[in-house]
Protein backbone atom coordinates (compact mmCIF):
# COMPACT_ATOMS: atom_id res chain seq x y z
CA UNK A 1 14.30 -35.40 -11.21
CA UNK A 2 17.19 -37.72 -10.98
CA UNK A 3 19.45 -35.78 -8.72
CA UNK A 4 16.58 -35.87 -6.10
CA UNK A 5 16.60 -39.95 -6.30
CA UNK A 6 20.74 -39.62 -6.74
CA UNK A 7 21.38 -37.66 -3.97
CA UNK A 8 18.32 -39.43 -1.89
CA UNK A 9 20.11 -42.75 -2.49
CA UNK A 10 23.45 -41.55 -0.75
CA UNK A 11 21.80 -40.12 2.17
CA UNK A 12 20.28 -43.88 2.52
CA UNK A 13 23.37 -45.07 1.96
CA UNK A 14 24.55 -42.74 5.04
CA UNK A 15 22.69 -43.59 6.91
CA UNK A 16 22.23 -46.82 7.40
CA UNK A 17 26.48 -47.17 7.09
CA UNK A 18 26.42 -44.57 10.37
CA UNK A 19 22.87 -45.35 11.76
CA UNK A 20 23.14 -42.24 13.64
CA UNK A 21 20.69 -40.10 15.43
CA UNK A 22 20.05 -37.45 13.17
CA UNK A 23 19.84 -34.06 14.17
CA UNK A 24 16.36 -32.54 15.24
CA UNK A 25 15.14 -28.49 15.45
CA UNK A 26 12.19 -29.48 18.07
CA UNK A 27 9.65 -27.40 15.86
CA UNK A 28 6.62 -26.62 17.55
CA UNK A 29 3.46 -28.03 16.39
CA UNK A 30 1.43 -26.62 13.23
CA UNK A 31 -0.31 -23.64 14.96
CA UNK A 32 -3.33 -24.44 12.64
CA UNK A 33 -4.58 -27.81 13.25
CA UNK A 34 -7.28 -29.16 10.25
CA UNK A 35 -8.67 -25.74 9.43
CA UNK A 36 -7.55 -25.50 5.98
CA UNK A 37 -7.47 -29.33 5.37
CA UNK A 38 -11.46 -28.95 7.12
CA UNK A 39 -12.43 -26.05 5.07
CA UNK A 40 -15.85 -25.57 3.85
CA UNK A 41 -15.83 -23.97 0.19
CA UNK A 42 -19.83 -22.25 1.16
CA UNK A 43 -18.31 -20.09 4.39
CA UNK A 44 -16.46 -17.52 2.47
CA UNK A 45 -18.85 -17.59 -0.93
CA UNK A 46 -19.81 -14.60 -1.67
CA UNK A 47 -23.72 -14.17 -3.54
CA UNK A 48 -24.49 -12.42 -6.03
CA UNK A 49 -26.11 -9.10 -4.75
CA UNK A 50 -22.45 -9.44 -3.13
CA UNK A 51 -20.61 -8.99 -6.17
CA UNK A 52 -23.35 -6.38 -7.69
CA UNK A 53 -22.72 -3.91 -4.96
CA UNK A 54 -18.49 -5.09 -5.37
CA UNK A 55 -18.75 -3.99 -8.55
CA UNK A 56 -21.10 -0.76 -8.46
CA UNK A 57 -18.37 0.24 -5.96
CA UNK A 58 -15.58 -0.05 -8.02
CA UNK A 59 -16.70 2.30 -10.73
CA UNK A 60 -17.63 4.97 -8.04
CA UNK A 61 -13.86 4.61 -6.51
CA UNK A 62 -13.21 4.60 -10.47
CA UNK A 63 -14.90 7.42 -11.34
CA UNK A 64 -13.65 9.64 -7.94
CA UNK A 65 -9.56 8.94 -9.10
CA UNK A 66 -10.52 10.17 -12.84
CA UNK A 67 -12.20 12.71 -12.03
CA UNK A 68 -11.24 16.25 -12.98
CA UNK A 69 -10.29 19.36 -10.17
CA UNK A 70 -8.44 21.95 -9.45
CA UNK A 71 -7.37 20.19 -5.72
CA UNK A 72 -4.24 18.33 -6.75
CA UNK A 73 -2.80 17.58 -3.27
CA UNK A 74 -6.37 15.89 -2.56
CA UNK A 75 -6.54 13.74 -5.77
CA UNK A 76 -2.49 12.62 -4.21
CA UNK A 77 -3.67 12.38 -1.13
CA UNK A 78 -6.77 10.20 -2.81
CA UNK A 79 -4.66 7.81 -4.70
CA UNK A 80 -1.83 7.39 -1.61
CA UNK A 81 -5.36 6.04 0.12
CA UNK A 82 -6.26 3.80 -2.71
CA UNK A 83 -2.86 2.54 -2.82
CA UNK A 84 -2.81 1.72 0.89
CA UNK A 85 -5.81 0.74 1.32
CA UNK A 86 -4.70 -2.92 -0.48
CA UNK A 87 -7.03 -1.77 -4.32
CA UNK A 88 -4.89 0.44 -6.31
CA UNK A 89 -3.79 -3.09 -8.78
CA UNK A 90 -7.90 -2.40 -10.13
CA UNK A 91 -6.61 1.14 -11.26
CA UNK A 92 -3.87 1.00 -12.42
CA UNK A 93 -3.82 2.64 -16.08
CA UNK A 94 -6.21 5.17 -14.59
CA UNK A 95 -3.34 6.38 -11.63
CA UNK A 96 -1.28 6.13 -14.28
CA UNK A 97 -2.68 8.85 -16.29
CA UNK A 98 -3.45 10.45 -13.30
CA UNK A 99 -0.13 11.16 -11.50
CA UNK A 100 1.14 12.81 -15.37
CA UNK A 101 -0.43 15.84 -13.65
CA UNK A 102 1.69 15.61 -10.74
CA UNK A 103 4.88 16.29 -12.85
CA UNK A 104 6.33 19.68 -14.04
CA UNK A 105 8.43 19.89 -16.90
CA UNK A 106 11.52 17.80 -16.05
CA UNK A 107 9.39 15.38 -15.18
CA UNK A 108 9.73 15.36 -11.59
CA UNK A 109 6.71 15.58 -8.92
CA UNK A 110 6.52 19.01 -8.17
CA UNK A 111 8.18 20.45 -4.80
CA UNK A 112 4.94 21.82 -4.01
CA UNK A 113 3.85 17.87 -2.77
CA UNK A 114 6.18 17.96 -0.11
CA UNK A 115 5.65 19.52 2.96
CA UNK A 116 5.08 19.63 6.47
CA UNK A 117 4.51 15.79 8.39
CA UNK A 118 3.08 14.10 4.99
CA UNK A 119 5.94 15.55 3.00
CA UNK A 120 8.56 14.35 5.77
CA UNK A 121 6.72 10.85 5.00
CA UNK A 122 5.90 10.66 1.13
CA UNK A 123 9.89 11.56 1.23
CA UNK A 124 10.86 8.49 3.25
CA UNK A 125 8.60 6.67 1.03
CA UNK A 126 10.86 7.98 -1.53
CA UNK A 127 14.12 7.05 -0.15
CA UNK A 128 13.49 3.50 0.45
CA UNK A 129 13.42 3.18 -3.46
CA UNK A 130 17.09 4.48 -3.87
CA UNK A 131 19.33 3.02 -6.19
CA UNK A 132 23.39 3.18 -6.02
CA UNK A 133 25.15 5.93 -6.14
CA UNK A 134 21.88 7.80 -4.43
CA UNK A 135 24.05 9.20 -1.82
CA UNK A 136 21.86 11.57 -1.38
CA UNK A 137 18.42 9.42 -0.80
CA UNK A 138 20.69 7.46 2.38
CA UNK A 139 21.42 11.07 3.54
CA UNK A 140 17.34 12.01 3.58
CA UNK A 141 16.16 8.95 5.31
CA UNK A 142 19.22 9.58 8.43
CA UNK A 143 16.72 13.10 7.96
CA UNK A 144 13.00 12.52 7.46
CA UNK A 145 13.48 9.60 11.06
CA UNK A 146 15.11 12.19 13.06
CA UNK A 147 12.23 14.58 12.42
CA UNK A 148 9.53 12.18 12.29
CA UNK A 149 10.52 11.09 15.62
CA UNK A 150 11.01 13.97 17.25
CA UNK A 151 7.12 14.72 16.01
CA UNK A 152 5.93 11.47 17.54
CA UNK A 153 5.14 13.84 20.84
CA UNK A 154 3.15 16.49 19.08
CA UNK A 155 1.05 14.88 16.38
CA UNK A 156 -3.14 13.61 17.45
CA UNK A 157 -2.17 9.73 18.12
CA UNK A 158 -3.20 8.50 14.91
CA UNK A 159 -0.39 9.96 12.85
CA UNK A 160 1.73 9.47 15.59
CA UNK A 161 1.03 5.57 14.37
CA UNK A 162 0.75 5.63 11.39
CA UNK A 163 5.03 7.49 11.29
CA UNK A 164 5.83 4.29 13.72
CA UNK A 165 4.31 2.04 11.45
CA UNK A 166 6.12 4.04 8.43
CA UNK A 167 9.11 4.26 10.43
CA UNK A 168 9.42 0.27 10.68
CA UNK A 169 9.61 -1.36 7.69
CA UNK A 170 8.13 1.27 4.77
CA UNK A 171 5.92 -0.14 1.80
CA UNK A 172 9.01 -1.24 -0.72
CA UNK A 173 9.65 -3.21 2.10
CA UNK A 174 6.41 -4.57 3.73
CA UNK A 175 4.18 -7.11 2.19
CA UNK A 176 1.27 -5.53 0.88
CA UNK A 177 -2.24 -7.25 1.99
CA UNK A 178 -0.65 -6.56 5.39
CA UNK A 179 0.23 -2.85 4.94
CA UNK A 180 -3.85 -3.07 3.64
CA UNK A 181 -5.22 -4.49 7.34
CA UNK A 182 -3.30 -2.03 8.96
CA UNK A 183 -4.45 0.85 7.02
CA UNK A 184 -8.07 0.17 7.21
CA UNK A 185 -7.72 -0.40 10.73
CA UNK A 186 -6.92 3.45 10.94
CA UNK A 187 -8.62 5.01 7.88
CA UNK A 188 -12.45 5.21 9.42
CA UNK A 189 -10.27 7.51 12.45
CA UNK A 190 -10.10 10.40 9.42
CA UNK A 191 -12.68 12.93 10.10
CA UNK A 192 -12.83 13.10 5.87
CA UNK A 193 -12.98 9.08 5.02
CA UNK A 194 -14.51 7.81 2.23
CA UNK A 195 -17.39 5.47 3.64
CA UNK A 196 -17.99 4.07 -0.63
CA UNK A 197 -13.52 4.17 -0.83
CA UNK A 198 -13.80 1.83 2.68
CA UNK A 199 -16.52 -0.53 2.07
CA UNK A 200 -15.17 -1.47 -1.17
CA UNK A 201 -11.79 -1.84 0.31
CA UNK A 202 -12.94 -4.52 2.46
CA UNK A 203 -14.75 -6.40 0.23
CA UNK A 204 -12.49 -6.73 -2.10
CA UNK A 205 -9.83 -7.75 0.33
CA UNK A 206 -12.79 -10.87 1.49
CA UNK A 207 -13.00 -11.44 -2.01
CA UNK A 208 -9.52 -12.09 -2.07
CA UNK A 209 -9.18 -14.00 1.33
CA UNK A 210 -11.79 -16.23 -0.33
CA UNK A 211 -9.61 -17.07 -3.13
CA UNK A 212 -6.74 -17.94 -1.18
CA UNK A 213 -8.67 -20.05 1.69
CA UNK A 214 -9.63 -22.23 -1.36
CA UNK A 215 -5.74 -22.44 -2.78
CA UNK A 216 -5.11 -22.99 0.88
CA UNK A 217 -8.01 -25.81 0.47
CA UNK A 218 -6.73 -27.36 -2.78
CA UNK A 219 -2.63 -27.76 -1.29
CA UNK A 220 -3.63 -29.06 1.92
CA UNK A 221 -5.28 -31.96 -0.09
CA UNK A 222 -2.22 -33.42 -1.73
CA UNK A 223 -2.49 -37.11 -1.77
CA UNK A 224 0.43 -38.68 -0.18
CA UNK A 225 2.29 -42.10 -0.83
CA UNK A 226 5.02 -44.37 -0.37
CA UNK A 227 8.18 -44.46 -2.16
CA UNK A 228 10.28 -47.35 -1.27
CA UNK A 229 13.92 -46.47 -1.49
CA UNK A 230 13.85 -44.08 0.59
CA UNK A 231 13.71 -43.78 4.68
CA UNK A 232 10.75 -43.18 6.82
CA UNK A 233 11.45 -39.38 7.10
CA UNK A 234 11.60 -39.03 3.58
CA UNK A 235 8.89 -40.94 1.75
CA UNK A 236 5.99 -37.92 2.61
CA UNK A 237 8.02 -35.42 1.18
CA UNK A 238 9.00 -36.38 -1.33
CA UNK A 239 5.99 -38.18 -2.81
CA UNK A 240 3.90 -34.89 -2.34
CA UNK A 241 6.93 -32.71 -4.13
CA UNK A 242 5.98 -35.67 -7.12
CA UNK A 243 2.38 -35.39 -6.88
CA UNK A 244 2.78 -31.49 -7.10
CA UNK A 245 5.18 -32.13 -10.16
CA UNK A 246 2.39 -35.03 -11.63
CA UNK A 247 -0.07 -31.94 -10.69
CA UNK A 248 1.81 -28.85 -12.64
CA UNK A 249 2.65 -30.57 -15.81
CA UNK A 250 -1.35 -31.33 -16.25
CA UNK A 251 -2.17 -28.74 -15.68
CA UNK A 252 0.63 -26.71 -18.21
CA UNK A 253 -0.34 -29.38 -20.65
CA UNK A 254 -3.91 -27.79 -21.04
CA UNK A 255 -2.90 -24.74 -21.09
CA UNK A 256 -0.20 -25.93 -24.09
CA UNK A 257 2.49 -24.34 -21.56
CA UNK A 258 4.28 -27.87 -21.05
CA UNK A 259 7.56 -26.05 -21.81
CA UNK A 260 7.98 -24.62 -17.92
CA UNK A 261 7.91 -27.63 -16.08
CA UNK A 262 11.52 -28.23 -17.10
CA UNK A 263 12.99 -25.09 -15.57
CA UNK A 264 10.79 -25.46 -12.15
CA UNK A 265 12.42 -29.34 -12.69
CA UNK A 266 15.58 -27.64 -12.67
CA UNK A 267 15.07 -25.74 -10.10
CA UNK A 268 14.13 -27.64 -7.32
CA UNK A 269 16.88 -30.28 -8.42
CA UNK A 270 19.92 -27.06 -8.10
CA UNK A 271 18.07 -26.75 -4.62
CA UNK A 272 18.56 -30.64 -3.72
CA UNK A 273 22.31 -31.12 -4.79
CA UNK A 274 22.88 -27.49 -2.87
CA UNK A 275 21.24 -28.79 0.85
CA UNK A 276 22.55 -32.43 -0.34
CA UNK A 277 26.76 -30.24 -0.27
CA UNK A 278 25.69 -27.59 3.01
CA UNK A 279 25.11 -31.68 4.44
CA UNK A 280 28.30 -33.09 3.32
CA UNK A 281 29.31 -29.98 5.13
CA UNK A 282 28.58 -30.47 8.07
CA UNK A 283 28.81 -34.62 7.69
CA UNK A 284 32.15 -34.40 7.16
CA UNK A 285 33.28 -31.09 9.57
CA UNK A 286 34.67 -28.87 6.45
CA UNK A 287 34.69 -24.99 7.34
CA UNK A 288 34.68 -23.18 3.63
CA UNK A 289 35.68 -19.58 3.19
CA UNK A 290 32.48 -17.06 3.49
CA UNK A 291 33.02 -16.73 -0.55
CA UNK A 292 31.85 -20.78 -1.27
CA UNK A 293 29.72 -20.75 1.59
CA UNK A 294 27.44 -18.14 -0.13
CA UNK A 295 27.43 -19.53 -3.55
CA UNK A 296 26.06 -22.31 -2.41
CA UNK A 297 23.34 -20.63 0.23
CA UNK A 298 21.89 -18.51 -2.27
CA UNK A 299 20.86 -21.80 -3.93
CA UNK A 300 19.34 -23.46 -1.01
CA UNK A 301 18.03 -20.33 0.61
CA UNK A 302 15.34 -21.41 -2.28
CA UNK A 303 14.27 -17.82 -3.82
CA UNK A 304 15.87 -19.47 -7.63
CA UNK A 305 13.48 -22.47 -7.46
CA UNK A 306 10.39 -20.49 -5.83
CA UNK A 307 10.75 -17.19 -8.22
CA UNK A 308 10.83 -19.56 -11.28
CA UNK A 309 8.10 -21.50 -10.13
CA UNK A 310 5.77 -18.80 -9.62
CA UNK A 311 5.87 -17.81 -12.75
CA UNK A 312 3.74 -21.12 -13.92
CA UNK A 313 0.77 -19.95 -12.58
CA UNK A 314 1.43 -16.11 -14.26
CA UNK A 315 -0.73 -17.47 -17.06
CA UNK A 316 0.36 -16.38 -20.58
CA UNK A 317 2.66 -13.51 -19.28
CA UNK A 318 5.63 -15.46 -18.63
CA UNK A 319 6.63 -16.69 -22.41
CA UNK A 320 9.04 -19.36 -22.40
CA UNK A 321 11.82 -16.09 -22.29
CA UNK A 322 10.36 -15.25 -19.18
CA UNK A 323 12.18 -18.37 -17.48
CA UNK A 324 15.17 -18.43 -19.79
CA UNK A 325 15.68 -15.05 -17.68
CA UNK A 326 14.41 -15.96 -14.24
CA UNK A 327 16.45 -19.39 -14.25
CA UNK A 328 19.61 -18.19 -15.75
CA UNK A 329 19.91 -16.10 -12.21
CA UNK A 330 19.51 -12.65 -12.31
CA UNK A 331 20.43 -9.97 -10.76
CA UNK A 332 17.35 -9.46 -9.50
CA UNK A 333 17.30 -12.16 -7.73
CA UNK A 334 20.51 -12.69 -6.79
CA UNK A 335 18.90 -9.25 -4.69
CA UNK A 336 16.79 -11.14 -3.26
CA UNK A 337 18.90 -14.21 -2.27
CA UNK A 338 20.48 -12.39 -0.12
CA UNK A 339 18.25 -10.29 1.61
CA UNK A 340 16.31 -13.59 2.57
CA UNK A 341 19.95 -15.72 3.03
CA UNK A 342 21.29 -12.94 5.23
CA UNK A 343 18.65 -11.95 7.53
CA UNK A 344 17.94 -15.33 8.28
CA UNK A 345 20.86 -15.78 9.30
CA UNK A 346 21.69 -13.09 11.60
CA UNK A 347 18.56 -13.87 13.81
CA UNK A 348 18.80 -17.55 13.30
CA UNK A 349 22.14 -18.16 13.48
CA UNK A 350 22.48 -19.16 17.28
CA UNK A 351 19.20 -21.20 17.42
CA UNK A 352 20.82 -23.35 14.48
CA UNK A 353 23.86 -23.67 16.22
CA UNK A 354 22.25 -25.17 19.51
CA UNK A 355 20.44 -28.19 17.26
CA UNK A 356 23.23 -29.27 15.36
CA UNK A 357 23.38 -27.29 11.97
CA UNK A 358 25.59 -26.68 9.09
CA UNK A 359 27.34 -23.27 10.34
CA UNK A 360 25.33 -19.67 8.47
CA UNK A 361 27.09 -16.93 7.32
CA UNK A 362 28.01 -15.42 10.89
CA UNK A 363 30.43 -17.91 11.84
CA UNK A 364 31.90 -18.25 8.42
CA UNK A 365 32.75 -14.68 8.14
CA UNK A 366 33.97 -14.31 12.33
CA UNK A 367 36.29 -17.33 12.02
CA UNK A 368 37.15 -16.40 8.48
CA UNK A 369 37.97 -12.81 9.44
CA UNK A 370 38.81 -12.92 12.74
CA UNK A 371 35.82 -10.43 13.75
CA UNK A 372 33.03 -10.78 16.07
CA UNK A 373 29.33 -11.51 15.72
CA UNK A 374 28.36 -7.70 16.15
CA UNK A 375 30.89 -7.07 13.85
CA UNK A 376 29.66 -9.49 11.04
CA UNK A 377 26.61 -8.38 11.52
CA UNK A 378 26.87 -5.14 10.78
CA UNK A 379 28.71 -5.95 7.22
CA UNK A 380 25.35 -8.49 7.00
CA UNK A 381 23.23 -5.59 7.51
CA UNK A 382 24.78 -2.60 4.99
CA UNK A 383 25.04 -5.71 2.65
CA UNK A 384 21.30 -6.30 2.46
CA UNK A 385 20.90 -2.40 1.95
CA UNK A 386 23.23 -2.58 -0.68
CA UNK A 387 20.99 -5.69 -2.36
CA UNK A 388 17.94 -3.68 -1.58
CA UNK A 389 19.69 -1.09 -4.18
CA UNK A 390 20.41 -3.41 -6.76
CA UNK A 391 16.35 -4.52 -6.62
CA UNK A 392 15.15 -0.95 -6.88
CA UNK A 393 17.56 -0.25 -9.98
CA UNK A 394 15.74 -3.48 -11.91
CA UNK A 395 13.06 -2.58 -10.69
CA UNK A 396 12.93 0.96 -12.56
CA UNK A 397 10.95 1.37 -15.17
CA UNK A 398 11.28 -0.18 -17.90
CA UNK A 399 11.47 -3.35 -16.39
CA UNK A 400 13.90 -6.19 -18.17
CA UNK A 401 10.44 -8.32 -17.96
CA UNK A 402 7.03 -6.90 -17.38
CA UNK A 403 6.38 -6.02 -13.66
CA UNK A 404 3.44 -8.57 -12.21
CA UNK A 405 7.03 -11.44 -12.45
CA UNK A 406 9.66 -8.90 -11.23
CA UNK A 407 7.06 -8.41 -8.00
CA UNK A 408 7.33 -12.50 -7.40
CA UNK A 409 10.56 -11.58 -6.97
CA UNK A 410 10.42 -8.78 -4.77
CA UNK A 411 7.74 -10.28 -2.75
CA UNK A 412 10.34 -12.73 -1.69
CA UNK A 413 12.47 -10.33 -0.45
CA UNK A 414 9.50 -9.25 1.61
CA UNK A 415 8.03 -12.15 3.28
CA UNK A 416 11.91 -12.11 4.47
CA UNK A 417 11.85 -8.42 6.07
CA UNK A 418 8.69 -9.49 7.59
CA UNK A 419 10.01 -12.58 9.12
CA UNK A 420 13.60 -11.34 10.07
CA UNK A 421 13.53 -8.37 10.75
CA UNK A 422 13.58 -8.36 14.38
CA UNK A 423 13.37 -12.44 15.02
CA UNK A 424 13.39 -15.33 13.59
CA UNK A 425 9.53 -15.27 13.29
CA UNK A 426 10.01 -18.44 10.83
CA UNK A 427 11.24 -21.09 13.35
CA UNK A 428 8.84 -18.79 15.93
CA UNK A 429 5.49 -19.11 14.24
CA UNK A 430 3.28 -18.30 17.04
CA UNK A 431 4.92 -14.78 16.63
CA UNK A 432 2.88 -13.97 13.64
CA UNK A 433 -0.10 -16.21 13.25
CA UNK A 434 -2.24 -13.21 14.28
CA UNK A 435 -1.26 -11.56 11.10
CA UNK A 436 -1.44 -14.60 9.52
CA UNK A 437 -4.97 -16.12 10.63
CA UNK A 438 -6.13 -11.48 9.54
CA UNK A 439 -4.96 -12.70 6.22
CA UNK A 440 -6.08 -16.07 5.18
CA UNK A 441 -8.67 -16.64 8.36
CA UNK A 442 -10.73 -14.14 9.43
CA UNK A 443 -12.53 -11.87 7.09
CA UNK A 444 -13.29 -8.13 7.78
CA UNK A 445 -16.50 -7.36 9.01
CA UNK A 446 -18.21 -4.75 6.50
């Protein structure tokens, strides 16, 4: 990690020479205290009887999905329910076989499946899978949005809430686990809901949550040490970073996958280098063009580094070829980075400028092109939508690499849509505290 050391050394020299005050964001304290540090492994331990019930319910759901029936619409609704309850990942093969029965001779979904409000909701969801040059789907979004909004006033309250939920964030852009929580809350209001399916989905949610809590506990317990060449504000970060990579290296060696580490280190080094470029621009008062800024900012936004390191935990499915591909910053990663960078800049640039931060895309674009902030925001929102189409194109089956790997990149964009669609919830974490708690702290009552 030599580039981090050299970059840090330069920063230390600048700090010593200028003896300047560091800019502070005045972030609020952690919302979690030592909750995850104090997490007891037994607090969410799943007992054998519960695991046995879970496996029995799993088989019941599998039989529901694969059962032969002439009621095609009901089967489609069942699959939609399974997906929204967050357990479709357990039945991917069964669901693919079922979907084949709903296609016509041209492998298109039968027109008879699209009708009324549910049909409009399905069309709205499908339209967000659009790629470039599919103008009809762009028109469909506008058309369906108008009709769904007009329907809200004369449908039942439960359906009205579902319409508002979907209009705010379609499935393509939502975080699946959060959408699962929402659907778990409204599914029992359906008179025809399946009690076994609901119980299974809740058990599955709690079991995954227990796994996530154990992982968070492990992350929180990383050792903290001192690197003498660094100033105080960098010691903890740098030592922890080295510890992380040391642990990764040890685990990869056990798996015979040590080749992964080179790619992960390389992307971290690139990230540090781009952060240093931005710091240098700020300190020297240099104003880059929007094009120069984006070349740097699409790396400093962290997506490429995070996507690469996420492959480490994917096991044998992440081959050396997969790492070569992801490290080349392919189109899907660039698109995800555009979404993250521009959505972040749109909602956070005013706060960042108030604390003395490198200018964002908004400032650079308005200055270079002599336009208003509103005009710049409109341009970037369009670029975000185009980037989603780029991602959709790359996610069309068959994909360049296995879908579980591609979904790692997709989820990074989903996280940013969640955090930055309406406000800067990354900086103001209290805005999403309840949702995070519901995912990682609070189990569902069975």
